[in-house]
Every structure is written in C-alpha cells, then in structure tokens.
C-alpha cells in the first residue's frame, strides 16, 4: 500500500501548502486594500474571504441597500412564497443572487452553530431554532443564521462598529 499512497500524500501536502499561500494572499489583500473588512471579521466565524466577497459583491458601495435586511434577499437567502387561499407552505430559499456569497455565508453559519462556534447571541438564536425539532430543523437553522449573518455583516460594514457577541453582557477577566 505504501508505494501507492506516497505519491498521493505528496500531492496532498503540495496542495495544502498552495492553499495556505492563497489564504495568506487573500488576508493580506483584505488588510491592505480593503481595511473596512477588518470590522466585519470581528464576527467569530467570518474570515477574510467572506468579508472580502461581501464588500466586492456590493461594489464597495455601502449605500446600495436602504436597509441591511435587503442584503439577505439579494443573495437568495429568503424563503420562496407560494400562497394559495388558506395554505402557505414552507418552501426552500429562492437561491437568487450570488451563489459564492450564499455558500460562504452558509459555511460561516455552520461553523457558528457547530462545536467550535463561540457563544454569541447569533449562536443562541440559531440553536433555539435547531432545537424546535422537526425533520429539517438544523438545516433551516443554518439558513436562518446565514441570512441573519449577512444582514449583520452589512450593518457592521456600514457602521464600522466592533461586533459584540453578547450585547449587554459584560465579560469579566479570569484574573479578577
């Protein structure tokens, strides 16, 4: 087995090095050419690629949307509607707009709701949605958190405020 696997392992190592190099280049570009992404990256789980994609997709125009809530609809994270009389079935998302940002936002939401996500109001809200039960509760929670995350990223980009994971809660240091 070893002679067959060694070439594959060397290819995987080379690709890993290249990926790390490109990740560093994206982070450097975000820091130098788009410093406004630094505020967006204060959200735990949002990296330079996601922040840079949001800024570039919206053409670096902060006033493009009147309300930050419209950004979630713009990238297709809004549920479809097909009301007829007394029925209003729950449908999937529209998937309109940029698929890359939608995919990145969904990955960030999965990280936030996953085992490595830090405690935040967004995580608590998403976990409460996931615990409601039902067949697809976790999937619906991920999409809802992704929509809320994109809205939050746009608001932080406009205001350039530092993200507070738990607003109104003061964190005491462990040394005290």
N, C-alpha and C. Protein backbone atom coordinates (compact mmCIF):
# COMPACT_ATOMS: atom_id res chain seq x y z
N UNK A 1 0.82 -1.21 0.00
CA UNK A 1 0.00 0.00 0.00
C UNK A 1 0.86 1.28 0.00
N UNK A 2 1.98 1.21 0.72
CA UNK A 2 2.82 2.39 0.87
C UNK A 2 3.29 2.97 -0.48
N UNK A 3 3.76 2.17 -1.43
CA UNK A 3 4.19 2.74 -2.72
C UNK A 3 3.05 3.42 -3.48
N UNK A 4 1.85 2.94 -3.29
CA UNK A 4 0.70 3.54 -3.99
C UNK A 4 0.25 4.84 -3.32
N UNK A 5 0.38 4.93 -2.00
CA UNK A 5 -0.12 6.09 -1.26
C UNK A 5 0.88 7.23 -1.16
N UNK A 6 2.17 6.97 -1.19
CA UNK A 6 3.18 8.02 -1.04
C UNK A 6 3.05 9.13 -2.08
N UNK A 7 2.86 8.83 -3.36
CA UNK A 7 2.68 9.92 -4.33
C UNK A 7 1.42 10.75 -4.04
N UNK A 8 0.36 10.10 -3.61
CA UNK A 8 -0.87 10.83 -3.28
C UNK A 8 -0.66 11.75 -2.08
N UNK A 9 0.03 11.28 -1.09
CA UNK A 9 0.30 12.09 0.10
C UNK A 9 1.17 13.30 -0.24
N UNK A 10 2.13 13.13 -1.13
CA UNK A 10 2.97 14.27 -1.51
C UNK A 10 2.15 15.30 -2.30
N UNK A 11 1.23 14.85 -3.12
CA UNK A 11 0.35 15.77 -3.85
C UNK A 11 -0.54 16.53 -2.88
N UNK A 12 -1.07 15.83 -1.89
CA UNK A 12 -1.93 16.47 -0.89
C UNK A 12 -1.14 17.50 -0.09
N UNK A 13 0.10 17.20 0.28
CA UNK A 13 0.94 18.15 1.01
C UNK A 13 1.22 19.40 0.18
N UNK A 14 1.51 19.21 -1.11
CA UNK A 14 1.78 20.35 -2.00
C UNK A 14 0.53 21.22 -2.16
N UNK A 15 -0.61 20.60 -2.35
CA UNK A 15 -1.85 21.36 -2.47
C UNK A 15 -2.18 22.11 -1.18
N UNK A 16 -1.91 21.50 -0.04
CA UNK A 16 -2.15 22.15 1.25
C UNK A 16 -1.28 23.39 1.39
N UNK A 17 -0.03 23.31 0.98
CA UNK A 17 0.87 24.47 1.03
C UNK A 17 0.37 25.59 0.12
N UNK A 18 -0.09 25.22 -1.08
CA UNK A 18 -0.60 26.23 -2.01
C UNK A 18 -1.86 26.90 -1.48
N UNK A 19 -2.75 26.12 -0.89
CA UNK A 19 -3.97 26.68 -0.32
C UNK A 19 -3.63 27.65 0.81
N UNK A 20 -2.71 27.28 1.67
CA UNK A 20 -2.29 28.18 2.75
C UNK A 20 -1.69 29.47 2.20
N UNK A 21 -0.93 29.37 1.13
CA UNK A 21 -0.35 30.55 0.50
C UNK A 21 -1.43 31.48 -0.03
N UNK A 22 -2.42 30.92 -0.72
CA UNK A 22 -3.51 31.74 -1.25
C UNK A 22 -4.38 32.33 -0.14
N UNK A 23 -4.56 31.60 0.95
CA UNK A 23 -5.30 32.15 2.08
C UNK A 23 -4.58 33.37 2.66
N UNK A 24 -3.25 33.29 2.75
CA UNK A 24 -2.47 34.42 3.24
C UNK A 24 -2.56 35.60 2.29
N UNK A 25 -2.54 35.33 0.97
CA UNK A 25 -2.67 36.42 -0.01
C UNK A 25 -4.02 37.12 0.09
N UNK A 26 -5.09 36.35 0.29
CA UNK A 26 -6.43 36.94 0.44
C UNK A 26 -6.49 37.79 1.70
N UNK A 27 -5.94 37.27 2.79
CA UNK A 27 -5.94 38.03 4.05
C UNK A 27 -5.12 39.32 3.91
N UNK A 28 -4.01 39.25 3.22
CA UNK A 28 -3.16 40.44 3.02
C UNK A 28 -3.88 41.48 2.16
N UNK A 29 -4.54 41.02 1.09
CA UNK A 29 -5.29 41.93 0.22
C UNK A 29 -6.43 42.59 1.00
N UNK A 30 -7.11 41.82 1.83
CA UNK A 30 -8.20 42.38 2.64
C UNK A 30 -7.67 43.44 3.61
N UNK A 31 -6.52 43.17 4.23
CA UNK A 31 -5.95 44.12 5.19
C UNK A 31 -5.47 45.40 4.52
N UNK A 32 -4.79 45.26 3.37
CA UNK A 32 -4.15 46.42 2.75
C UNK A 32 -5.12 47.23 1.89
N UNK A 33 -5.80 46.56 0.97
CA UNK A 33 -6.63 47.28 0.00
C UNK A 33 -8.05 47.53 0.48
N UNK A 34 -8.56 46.72 1.39
CA UNK A 34 -9.93 46.86 1.89
C UNK A 34 -9.93 46.81 3.42
N UNK A 35 -9.42 47.86 4.07
CA UNK A 35 -9.34 47.83 5.53
C UNK A 35 -10.71 47.81 6.22
N UNK A 36 -11.76 48.19 5.49
CA UNK A 36 -13.09 48.17 6.10
C UNK A 36 -13.57 46.75 6.39
N UNK A 37 -12.91 45.73 5.82
CA UNK A 37 -13.29 44.35 6.12
C UNK A 37 -12.86 43.92 7.52
N UNK A 38 -11.97 44.67 8.13
CA UNK A 38 -11.48 44.33 9.47
C UNK A 38 -12.63 44.32 10.49
N UNK A 39 -13.56 45.27 10.36
CA UNK A 39 -14.70 45.31 11.28
C UNK A 39 -15.61 44.11 11.07
N UNK A 40 -15.78 43.70 9.82
CA UNK A 40 -16.63 42.53 9.53
C UNK A 40 -16.01 41.27 10.11
N UNK A 41 -14.70 41.18 10.07
CA UNK A 41 -14.01 39.98 10.56
C UNK A 41 -13.99 39.88 12.07
N UNK A 42 -14.52 40.88 12.78
CA UNK A 42 -14.62 40.75 14.24
C UNK A 42 -15.70 39.74 14.63
N UNK A 43 -16.56 39.37 13.70
CA UNK A 43 -17.56 38.33 13.96
C UNK A 43 -16.83 36.99 13.95
N UNK A 44 -16.92 36.25 15.04
CA UNK A 44 -16.24 34.96 15.12
C UNK A 44 -16.88 34.00 14.12
N UNK A 45 -16.06 33.49 13.21
CA UNK A 45 -16.55 32.57 12.19
C UNK A 45 -16.54 33.18 10.80
N UNK A 46 -16.32 34.49 10.70
CA UNK A 46 -16.24 35.17 9.40
C UNK A 46 -14.78 35.49 9.13
N UNK A 47 -14.28 34.96 8.04
CA UNK A 47 -12.89 35.16 7.68
C UNK A 47 -12.71 36.21 6.62
N UNK A 48 -11.46 36.41 6.18
CA UNK A 48 -11.18 37.44 5.19
C UNK A 48 -11.84 37.17 3.83
N UNK A 49 -11.96 35.92 3.45
CA UNK A 49 -12.57 35.61 2.15
C UNK A 49 -14.04 36.00 2.12
N UNK A 50 -14.77 35.68 3.17
CA UNK A 50 -16.19 36.02 3.24
C UNK A 50 -16.38 37.53 3.31
N UNK A 51 -15.60 38.20 4.14
CA UNK A 51 -15.72 39.65 4.26
C UNK A 51 -15.38 40.35 2.94
N UNK A 52 -14.32 39.91 2.30
CA UNK A 52 -13.90 40.50 1.03
C UNK A 52 -14.93 40.23 -0.06
N UNK A 53 -15.52 39.05 -0.07
CA UNK A 53 -16.55 38.72 -1.05
C UNK A 53 -17.76 39.63 -0.90
N UNK A 54 -18.17 39.88 0.34
CA UNK A 54 -19.32 40.78 0.58
C UNK A 54 -19.02 42.17 0.06
N UNK A 55 -17.86 42.71 0.40
CA UNK A 55 -17.51 44.08 0.00
C UNK A 55 -17.40 44.19 -1.52
N UNK A 56 -16.77 43.22 -2.15
CA UNK A 56 -16.59 43.28 -3.60
C UNK A 56 -17.89 43.01 -4.35
N UNK A 57 -18.74 42.14 -3.82
CA UNK A 57 -20.01 41.86 -4.48
C UNK A 57 -20.91 43.08 -4.48
N UNK A 58 -20.87 43.84 -3.41
CA UNK A 58 -21.70 45.04 -3.32
C UNK A 58 -21.00 46.25 -3.92
N UNK A 59 -19.96 46.00 -4.71
CA UNK A 59 -19.22 47.03 -5.45
C UNK A 59 -18.70 48.15 -4.57
N UNK A 60 -18.34 47.78 -3.34
CA UNK A 60 -17.77 48.75 -2.41
C UNK A 60 -18.68 49.96 -2.21
N UNK A 61 -19.98 49.78 -2.40
CA UNK A 61 -20.97 50.85 -2.26
C UNK A 61 -21.83 50.54 -1.04
N UNK A 62 -21.54 51.18 0.07
CA UNK A 62 -22.24 50.90 1.32
C UNK A 62 -23.70 51.32 1.30
N UNK A 63 -24.02 52.30 0.48
CA UNK A 63 -25.40 52.81 0.46
C UNK A 63 -26.25 52.14 -0.62
N UNK A 64 -25.79 51.03 -1.15
CA UNK A 64 -26.53 50.35 -2.22
C UNK A 64 -27.90 49.88 -1.74
N UNK A 65 -27.99 49.45 -0.50
CA UNK A 65 -29.25 48.99 0.06
C UNK A 65 -29.72 49.97 1.12
N UNK A 66 -30.99 50.27 1.08
CA UNK A 66 -31.55 51.19 2.06
C UNK A 66 -31.59 50.55 3.45
N UNK A 67 -31.92 49.27 3.48
CA UNK A 67 -31.96 48.51 4.72
C UNK A 67 -31.03 47.31 4.60
N UNK A 68 -30.38 46.97 5.67
CA UNK A 68 -29.48 45.82 5.66
C UNK A 68 -30.24 44.52 5.44
N UNK A 69 -31.51 44.48 5.80
CA UNK A 69 -32.32 43.28 5.61
C UNK A 69 -32.46 42.89 4.15
N UNK A 70 -32.30 43.87 3.26
CA UNK A 70 -32.44 43.58 1.84
C UNK A 70 -31.28 42.77 1.29
N UNK A 71 -30.15 42.75 1.98
CA UNK A 71 -28.99 42.01 1.50
C UNK A 71 -29.27 40.51 1.53
N UNK A 72 -29.96 40.03 2.55
CA UNK A 72 -30.31 38.62 2.63
C UNK A 72 -31.16 38.18 1.46
N UNK A 73 -32.09 39.03 1.06
CA UNK A 73 -32.93 38.73 -0.10
C UNK A 73 -32.11 38.82 -1.38
N UNK A 74 -31.18 39.75 -1.44
CA UNK A 74 -30.38 39.97 -2.64
C UNK A 74 -29.53 38.75 -3.00
N UNK A 75 -29.01 38.07 -1.99
CA UNK A 75 -28.18 36.90 -2.30
C UNK A 75 -28.97 35.60 -2.30
N UNK A 76 -30.27 35.66 -2.08
CA UNK A 76 -31.11 34.48 -2.23
C UNK A 76 -31.32 33.66 -0.98
N UNK A 77 -31.22 34.26 0.18
CA UNK A 77 -31.45 33.54 1.43
C UNK A 77 -32.84 33.82 2.00
N UNK A 78 -33.77 34.18 1.14
CA UNK A 78 -35.15 34.44 1.55
C UNK A 78 -36.00 33.25 1.15
N UNK A 79 -36.93 32.81 2.00
CA UNK A 79 -37.78 31.68 1.63
C UNK A 79 -38.70 32.04 0.46
N UNK A 80 -38.94 31.06 -0.41
CA UNK A 80 -39.88 31.25 -1.50
C UNK A 80 -41.29 31.36 -0.94
N UNK A 81 -42.17 31.99 -1.69
CA UNK A 81 -43.57 32.09 -1.28
C UNK A 81 -44.46 31.58 -2.40
N UNK A 82 -45.44 30.80 -2.02
CA UNK A 82 -46.45 30.35 -2.96
C UNK A 82 -47.74 30.17 -2.17
N UNK A 83 -48.38 31.28 -1.88
CA UNK A 83 -49.61 31.27 -1.10
C UNK A 83 -50.79 31.03 -2.04
N UNK A 84 -51.69 30.19 -1.57
CA UNK A 84 -52.90 29.96 -2.35
C UNK A 84 -54.06 29.75 -1.39
N UNK A 85 -54.88 30.74 -1.27
CA UNK A 85 -56.04 30.61 -0.40
C UNK A 85 -55.65 30.47 1.05
N UNK A 86 -55.97 29.34 1.63
CA UNK A 86 -55.73 29.12 3.05
C UNK A 86 -54.37 28.51 3.33
N UNK A 87 -53.66 28.08 2.30
CA UNK A 87 -52.38 27.40 2.50
C UNK A 87 -51.21 28.35 2.27
N UNK A 88 -50.22 28.21 3.12
CA UNK A 88 -48.96 28.95 2.95
C UNK A 88 -47.83 27.97 3.27
N UNK A 89 -47.48 27.10 2.31
CA UNK A 89 -46.49 26.06 2.60
C UNK A 89 -45.10 26.64 2.82
N UNK A 90 -44.31 25.93 3.64
CA UNK A 90 -42.92 26.32 3.84
C UNK A 90 -42.10 25.77 2.69
N UNK A 91 -41.45 26.67 1.98
CA UNK A 91 -40.66 26.28 0.82
C UNK A 91 -39.18 26.58 1.07
N UNK A 92 -38.34 26.17 0.16
CA UNK A 92 -36.90 26.43 0.26
C UNK A 92 -36.58 27.88 -0.03
N UNK A 93 -35.30 28.19 -0.06
CA UNK A 93 -34.87 29.56 -0.33
C UNK A 93 -34.91 29.83 -1.83
N UNK A 94 -34.89 31.10 -2.20
CA UNK A 94 -35.01 31.48 -3.60
C UNK A 94 -33.75 31.18 -4.41
N UNK A 95 -32.58 31.20 -3.79
CA UNK A 95 -31.29 30.97 -4.44
C UNK A 95 -31.03 31.97 -5.57
N UNK A 96 -31.61 33.14 -5.46
CA UNK A 96 -31.31 34.22 -6.42
C UNK A 96 -30.03 34.89 -5.97
N UNK A 97 -29.35 35.55 -6.85
CA UNK A 97 -28.16 36.30 -6.48
C UNK A 97 -26.90 35.47 -6.55
N UNK A 98 -25.87 35.95 -5.88
CA UNK A 98 -24.53 35.37 -5.98
C UNK A 98 -24.43 34.08 -5.18
N UNK A 99 -24.11 32.99 -5.86
CA UNK A 99 -24.04 31.70 -5.18
C UNK A 99 -22.79 31.58 -4.31
N UNK A 100 -21.69 32.27 -4.66
CA UNK A 100 -20.48 32.19 -3.86
C UNK A 100 -20.69 32.79 -2.47
N UNK A 101 -21.26 33.98 -2.41
CA UNK A 101 -21.51 34.60 -1.10
C UNK A 101 -22.53 33.80 -0.30
N UNK A 102 -23.53 33.26 -0.97
CA UNK A 102 -24.53 32.44 -0.28
C UNK A 102 -23.85 31.20 0.31
N UNK A 103 -22.97 30.58 -0.45
CA UNK A 103 -22.25 29.40 0.02
C UNK A 103 -21.32 29.74 1.19
N UNK A 104 -20.60 30.85 1.07
CA UNK A 104 -19.69 31.26 2.15
C UNK A 104 -20.46 31.61 3.42
N UNK A 105 -21.58 32.30 3.27
CA UNK A 105 -22.40 32.65 4.44
C UNK A 105 -22.95 31.39 5.12
N UNK A 106 -23.33 30.41 4.32
CA UNK A 106 -23.84 29.16 4.87
C UNK A 106 -22.73 28.41 5.60
N UNK A 107 -21.52 28.41 5.05
CA UNK A 107 -20.39 27.76 5.73
C UNK A 107 -20.07 28.46 7.05
N UNK A 108 -20.12 29.78 7.05
CA UNK A 108 -19.89 30.53 8.30
C UNK A 108 -20.96 30.19 9.33
N UNK A 109 -22.20 30.08 8.87
CA UNK A 109 -23.31 29.75 9.78
C UNK A 109 -23.14 28.34 10.35
N UNK A 110 -22.68 27.41 9.53
CA UNK A 110 -22.44 26.06 10.02
C UNK A 110 -21.32 26.05 11.06
N UNK A 111 -20.31 26.88 10.86
CA UNK A 111 -19.23 26.98 11.84
C UNK A 111 -19.75 27.57 13.15
N UNK A 112 -20.56 28.63 13.04
CA UNK A 112 -21.09 29.29 14.23
C UNK A 112 -21.95 28.33 15.04
N UNK A 113 -22.75 27.52 14.35
CA UNK A 113 -23.63 26.59 15.05
C UNK A 113 -22.93 25.28 15.42
N UNK A 114 -21.75 25.05 14.90
CA UNK A 114 -21.03 23.81 15.15
C UNK A 114 -20.34 23.79 16.50
N UNK A 115 -19.57 22.76 16.75
CA UNK A 115 -18.93 22.58 18.05
C UNK A 115 -17.84 23.61 18.36
N UNK A 116 -17.30 24.27 17.33
CA UNK A 116 -16.21 25.23 17.56
C UNK A 116 -16.70 26.67 17.61
N UNK A 117 -17.98 26.91 17.39
CA UNK A 117 -18.51 28.26 17.42
C UNK A 117 -18.53 28.81 18.83
N UNK A 118 -18.12 30.07 18.96
CA UNK A 118 -18.12 30.71 20.28
C UNK A 118 -19.52 31.16 20.65
N UNK A 119 -19.73 31.32 21.95
CA UNK A 119 -21.03 31.74 22.44
C UNK A 119 -21.34 33.16 21.97
N UNK A 120 -22.50 33.34 21.39
CA UNK A 120 -22.94 34.65 20.93
C UNK A 120 -24.46 34.64 20.86
N UNK A 121 -25.03 35.81 20.71
CA UNK A 121 -26.49 35.91 20.58
C UNK A 121 -26.94 35.21 19.30
N UNK A 122 -26.16 35.33 18.25
CA UNK A 122 -26.49 34.69 16.99
C UNK A 122 -26.49 33.17 17.12
N UNK A 123 -25.50 32.63 17.80
CA UNK A 123 -25.43 31.18 18.02
C UNK A 123 -26.59 30.71 18.88
N UNK A 124 -26.89 31.44 19.94
CA UNK A 124 -28.00 31.05 20.82
C UNK A 124 -29.33 31.04 20.06
N UNK A 125 -29.52 32.06 19.22
CA UNK A 125 -30.75 32.15 18.43
C UNK A 125 -30.83 30.98 17.45
N UNK A 126 -29.72 30.68 16.78
CA UNK A 126 -29.71 29.56 15.83
C UNK A 126 -29.92 28.22 16.51
N UNK A 127 -29.34 28.03 17.68
CA UNK A 127 -29.52 26.78 18.40
C UNK A 127 -30.96 26.62 18.88
N UNK A 128 -31.60 27.72 19.25
CA UNK A 128 -33.01 27.62 19.66
C UNK A 128 -33.88 27.23 18.46
N UNK A 129 -33.52 27.70 17.27
CA UNK A 129 -34.26 27.28 16.07
C UNK A 129 -34.02 25.80 15.78
N UNK A 130 -32.80 25.35 15.94
CA UNK A 130 -32.47 23.95 15.67
C UNK A 130 -33.14 23.00 16.65
N UNK A 131 -33.36 23.46 17.88
CA UNK A 131 -33.96 22.61 18.91
C UNK A 131 -35.48 22.53 18.80
N UNK A 132 -36.07 23.32 17.92
CA UNK A 132 -37.53 23.27 17.77
C UNK A 132 -38.00 21.92 17.27
N UNK A 133 -37.09 21.16 16.73
CA UNK A 133 -37.44 19.83 16.25
C UNK A 133 -37.87 19.86 14.81
N UNK A 134 -38.41 18.77 14.41
CA UNK A 134 -38.83 18.66 13.02
C UNK A 134 -37.77 17.98 12.19
N UNK A 135 -38.16 17.66 10.99
CA UNK A 135 -37.31 16.88 10.11
C UNK A 135 -36.06 17.62 9.67
N UNK A 136 -36.21 18.89 9.32
CA UNK A 136 -35.10 19.66 8.79
C UNK A 136 -34.76 20.87 9.66
N UNK A 137 -34.91 20.74 10.96
CA UNK A 137 -34.73 21.88 11.86
C UNK A 137 -33.30 22.42 11.80
N UNK A 138 -32.31 21.56 11.78
CA UNK A 138 -30.91 22.00 11.76
C UNK A 138 -30.60 22.73 10.45
N UNK A 139 -31.09 22.20 9.33
CA UNK A 139 -30.86 22.83 8.03
C UNK A 139 -31.52 24.21 7.97
N UNK A 140 -32.73 24.29 8.48
CA UNK A 140 -33.43 25.59 8.48
C UNK A 140 -32.72 26.59 9.38
N UNK A 141 -32.19 26.11 10.49
CA UNK A 141 -31.47 26.99 11.41
C UNK A 141 -30.20 27.52 10.76
N UNK A 142 -29.50 26.69 10.01
CA UNK A 142 -28.27 27.12 9.33
C UNK A 142 -28.60 28.22 8.32
N UNK A 143 -29.64 28.04 7.54
CA UNK A 143 -30.02 29.04 6.53
C UNK A 143 -30.47 30.33 7.22
N UNK A 144 -31.24 30.21 8.30
CA UNK A 144 -31.70 31.40 9.01
C UNK A 144 -30.52 32.17 9.62
N UNK A 145 -29.56 31.44 10.19
CA UNK A 145 -28.36 32.09 10.75
C UNK A 145 -27.53 32.72 9.64
N UNK A 146 -27.45 32.06 8.49
CA UNK A 146 -26.70 32.63 7.36
C UNK A 146 -27.34 33.94 6.90
N UNK A 147 -28.67 33.97 6.82
CA UNK A 147 -29.37 35.20 6.43
C UNK A 147 -29.12 36.32 7.44
N UNK A 148 -29.24 35.98 8.72
CA UNK A 148 -29.02 36.97 9.76
C UNK A 148 -27.56 37.41 9.80
N UNK A 149 -26.64 36.50 9.50
CA UNK A 149 -25.22 36.82 9.48
C UNK A 149 -24.90 37.81 8.36
N UNK A 150 -25.47 37.61 7.18
CA UNK A 150 -25.23 38.53 6.06
C UNK A 150 -25.77 39.91 6.40
N UNK A 151 -26.93 39.97 7.02
CA UNK A 151 -27.51 41.25 7.44
C UNK A 151 -26.59 41.92 8.46
N UNK A 152 -26.09 41.15 9.41
CA UNK A 152 -25.18 41.67 10.43
C UNK A 152 -23.87 42.15 9.81
N UNK A 153 -23.34 41.39 8.85
CA UNK A 153 -22.10 41.79 8.19
C UNK A 153 -22.29 43.12 7.45
N UNK A 154 -23.42 43.29 6.78
CA UNK A 154 -23.67 44.53 6.06
C UNK A 154 -23.79 45.70 7.04
N UNK A 155 -24.49 45.50 8.15
CA UNK A 155 -24.67 46.57 9.14
C UNK A 155 -23.32 46.96 9.73
N UNK A 156 -22.48 45.99 10.04
CA UNK A 156 -21.16 46.29 10.60
C UNK A 156 -20.29 46.98 9.56
N UNK A 157 -20.41 46.59 8.31
CA UNK A 157 -19.65 47.24 7.23
C UNK A 157 -20.04 48.70 7.11
N UNK A 158 -21.32 49.00 7.24
CA UNK A 158 -21.79 50.39 7.13
C UNK A 158 -21.34 51.22 8.33
N UNK A 159 -21.53 50.68 9.53
CA UNK A 159 -21.25 51.46 10.73
C UNK A 159 -19.79 51.38 11.19
N UNK A 160 -19.07 50.32 10.76
CA UNK A 160 -17.69 50.07 11.17
C UNK A 160 -17.56 49.93 12.70
N UNK A 161 -18.60 49.39 13.32
CA UNK A 161 -18.57 49.14 14.76
C UNK A 161 -17.94 47.77 15.02
N UNK A 162 -17.43 47.60 16.22
CA UNK A 162 -16.89 46.32 16.63
C UNK A 162 -18.06 45.43 17.04
N UNK A 163 -18.04 44.19 16.60
CA UNK A 163 -19.12 43.25 16.89
C UNK A 163 -19.10 42.84 18.35
N UNK A 164 -20.26 42.92 18.98
CA UNK A 164 -20.42 42.45 20.35
C UNK A 164 -21.18 41.14 20.30
N UNK A 165 -20.55 40.02 20.64
CA UNK A 165 -21.23 38.73 20.55
C UNK A 165 -22.45 38.61 21.45
N UNK A 166 -22.35 39.17 22.64
CA UNK A 166 -23.47 39.15 23.57
C UNK A 166 -23.72 40.57 24.05
N UNK A 167 -24.53 41.35 23.32
CA UNK A 167 -24.75 42.74 23.71
C UNK A 167 -25.40 42.84 25.09
N UNK A 168 -24.88 43.76 25.87
CA UNK A 168 -25.42 43.99 27.20
C UNK A 168 -24.81 43.11 28.28
N UNK A 169 -23.97 42.17 27.92
CA UNK A 169 -23.33 41.27 28.88
C UNK A 169 -21.87 41.69 28.98
N UNK A 170 -21.44 41.98 30.19
CA UNK A 170 -20.04 42.34 30.39
C UNK A 170 -19.24 41.08 30.71
N UNK A 171 -18.11 40.96 30.09
CA UNK A 171 -17.26 39.79 30.27
C UNK A 171 -16.18 40.15 31.29
N UNK A 172 -16.10 39.38 32.37
CA UNK A 172 -15.07 39.62 33.39
C UNK A 172 -13.84 38.81 33.04
N UNK A 173 -12.69 39.38 33.32
CA UNK A 173 -11.45 38.64 33.05
C UNK A 173 -11.28 37.53 34.07
N UNK A 174 -10.55 36.48 33.68
CA UNK A 174 -10.35 35.34 34.57
C UNK A 174 -9.40 35.67 35.72
N UNK A 175 -8.57 36.69 35.54
CA UNK A 175 -7.60 37.07 36.59
C UNK A 175 -8.28 37.74 37.77
N UNK A 176 -9.44 38.33 37.55
CA UNK A 176 -10.11 39.06 38.63
C UNK A 176 -10.79 38.16 39.62
